[in-house]
C-alpha atoms as a PDB file:
ATOM      1  CA  UNK A   1      12.137 -28.342  15.395  1.00  0.00           C
ATOM      2  CA  UNK A   2      10.221 -25.653  13.799  1.00  0.00           C
ATOM      3  CA  UNK A   3       7.038 -24.332  15.243  1.00  0.00           C
ATOM      4  CA  UNK A   4       4.744 -22.998  12.329  1.00  0.00           C
ATOM      5  CA  UNK A   5       2.264 -19.623  13.663  1.00  0.00           C
ATOM      6  CA  UNK A   6      -0.959 -20.216  11.209  1.00  0.00           C
ATOM      7  CA  UNK A   7      -2.112 -16.455  11.132  1.00  0.00           C
ATOM      8  CA  UNK A   8      -6.396 -16.295  10.725  1.00  0.00           C
ATOM      9  CA  UNK A   9      -7.484 -14.652   6.957  1.00  0.00           C
ATOM     10  CA  UNK A  10      -9.070 -11.694   8.505  1.00  0.00           C
ATOM     11  CA  UNK A  11      -5.218 -10.750   9.411  1.00  0.00           C
ATOM     12  CA  UNK A  12      -3.592 -11.873   5.720  1.00  0.00           C
ATOM     13  CA  UNK A  13      -6.715 -10.376   3.981  1.00  0.00           C
ATOM     14  CA  UNK A  14      -6.445  -7.031   6.075  1.00  0.00           C
ATOM     15  CA  UNK A  15      -2.601  -7.243   4.695  1.00  0.00           C
ATOM     16  CA  UNK A  16      -3.574  -7.543   1.458  1.00  0.00           C
ATOM     17  CA  UNK A  17      -5.647  -4.491   1.548  1.00  0.00           C
ATOM     18  CA  UNK A  18      -2.968  -2.426   2.569  1.00  0.00           C
ATOM     19  CA  UNK A  19      -1.077  -3.856   0.193  1.00  0.00           C
ATOM     20  CA  UNK A  20      -3.336  -2.629  -2.452  1.00  0.00           C
ATOM     21  CA  UNK A  21      -3.229   0.724  -0.871  1.00  0.00           C
ATOM     22  CA  UNK A  22      -0.022   0.769  -0.544  1.00  0.00           C
ATOM     23  CA  UNK A  23       0.945  -0.026  -3.882  1.00  0.00           C
ATOM     24  CA  UNK A  24      -1.877   2.467  -5.540  1.00  0.00           C
ATOM     25  CA  UNK A  25      -0.621   5.297  -3.540  1.00  0.00           C
ATOM     26  CA  UNK A  26       2.925   4.658  -5.018  1.00  0.00           C
ATOM     27  CA  UNK A  27       1.448   4.312  -8.609  1.00  0.00           C
ATOM     28  CA  UNK A  28      -0.219   7.950  -8.634  1.00  0.00           C
ATOM     29  CA  UNK A  29       2.741   9.386  -6.112  1.00  0.00           C
ATOM     30  CA  UNK A  30       0.055  10.388  -3.870  1.00  0.00           C
ATOM     31  CA  UNK A  31      -0.194   9.460   0.256  1.00  0.00           C
ATOM     32  CA  UNK A  32      -1.501   6.119   1.902  1.00  0.00           C
ATOM     33  CA  UNK A  33      -3.799   7.894   3.771  1.00  0.00           C
ATOM     34  CA  UNK A  34      -5.395   9.460   0.855  1.00  0.00           C
ATOM     35  CA  UNK A  35      -5.849   6.758  -1.510  1.00  0.00           C
ATOM     36  CA  UNK A  36      -7.348   4.923   1.801  1.00  0.00           C
ATOM     37  CA  UNK A  37      -9.671   7.856   2.082  1.00  0.00           C
ATOM     38  CA  UNK A  38     -10.862   8.220  -1.560  1.00  0.00           C
ATOM     39  CA  UNK A  39     -11.388   3.624  -1.417  1.00  0.00           C
ATOM     40  CA  UNK A  40     -13.454   4.558   2.071  1.00  0.00           C
ATOM     41  CA  UNK A  41     -15.569   6.886   0.073  1.00  0.00           C
ATOM     42  CA  UNK A  42     -16.514   4.696  -2.231  1.00  0.00           C
ATOM     43  CA  UNK A  43     -16.846   1.377  -0.406  1.00  0.00           C
ATOM     44  CA  UNK A  44     -14.254   0.415  -2.867  1.00  0.00           C
ATOM     45  CA  UNK A  45     -12.118  -2.027   0.181  1.00  0.00           C
ATOM     46  CA  UNK A  46     -15.603  -3.917   1.738  1.00  0.00           C
ATOM     47  CA  UNK A  47     -17.537  -3.912  -2.236  1.00  0.00           C
ATOM     48  CA  UNK A  48     -14.552  -4.898  -4.086  1.00  0.00           C
ATOM     49  CA  UNK A  49     -11.161  -6.310  -2.704  1.00  0.00           C
ATOM     50  CA  UNK A  50     -12.001  -7.745   0.419  1.00  0.00           C
ATOM     51  CA  UNK A  51     -14.919  -9.561  -1.876  1.00  0.00           C
ATOM     52  CA  UNK A  52     -12.036 -10.360  -4.874  1.00  0.00           C
ATOM     53  CA  UNK A  53      -9.310 -11.333  -2.875  1.00  0.00           C
ATOM     54  CA  UNK A  54      -8.714 -14.964  -3.880  1.00  0.00           C
ATOM     55  CA  UNK A  55      -8.366 -13.649  -7.364  1.00  0.00           C
ATOM     56  CA  UNK A  56      -6.391 -10.097  -6.576  1.00  0.00           C
ATOM     57  CA  UNK A  57      -3.817 -11.729  -4.838  1.00  0.00           C
ATOM     58  CA  UNK A  58      -2.855 -13.816  -7.263  1.00  0.00           C
ATOM     59  CA  UNK A  59      -1.930 -11.272  -9.339  1.00  0.00           C
ATOM     60  CA  UNK A  60       1.642  -9.233  -9.164  1.00  0.00           C
ATOM     61  CA  UNK A  61       1.325  -5.901  -7.006  1.00  0.00           C
ATOM     62  CA  UNK A  62       1.707  -3.093 -10.302  1.00  0.00           C
ATOM     63  CA  UNK A  63      -1.507  -4.976 -12.217  1.00  0.00           C
ATOM     64  CA  UNK A  64      -3.181  -4.959  -9.111  1.00  0.00           C
ATOM     65  CA  UNK A  65      -2.242  -1.244  -8.396  1.00  0.00           C
ATOM     66  CA  UNK A  66      -3.255   0.152 -11.858  1.00  0.00           C
ATOM     67  CA  UNK A  67      -6.564  -2.317 -11.623  1.00  0.00           C
ATOM     68  CA  UNK A  68      -7.318  -0.034  -8.397  1.00  0.00           C
ATOM     69  CA  UNK A  69      -6.773   3.165 -10.039  1.00  0.00           C
ATOM     70  CA  UNK A  70      -8.847   1.825 -12.888  1.00  0.00           C
ATOM     71  CA  UNK A  71     -11.923   1.169 -10.394  1.00  0.00           C
ATOM     72  CA  UNK A  72     -11.068   3.757  -8.302  1.00  0.00           C
ATOM     73  CA  UNK A  73     -11.491   6.170 -10.612  1.00  0.00           C
ATOM     74  CA  UNK A  74     -14.558   4.338 -12.318  1.00  0.00           C
ATOM     75  CA  UNK A  75     -16.246   4.569  -8.837  1.00  0.00           C
ATOM     76  CA  UNK A  76     -15.856   7.992  -8.335  1.00  0.00           C
ATOM     77  CA  UNK A  77     -17.172   9.324 -11.387  1.00  0.00           C
ATOM     78  CA  UNK A  78     -20.289   6.786 -10.766  1.00  0.00           C
ATOM     79  CA  UNK A  79     -20.424   8.757  -7.659  1.00  0.00           C
ATOM     80  CA  UNK A  80     -20.234  12.206  -8.543  1.00  0.00           C
END
């Protein structure tokens, strides 16, 4: 009988954050580090991705990446 391993929710959410950053970087044709730095600068990971995880993780990667780009651009303009 196979033993199932339960992954803590925090770990699952951090993997999702990484997927959001990677997908966004791919769509922007830039590095993971660049997107991470931009998101960190405006607080997008803590104030958008993590709090909205339950809704966001139901969307396709392409849809998530497009939404991340739109949100990131808006938040960066707001913080100028």
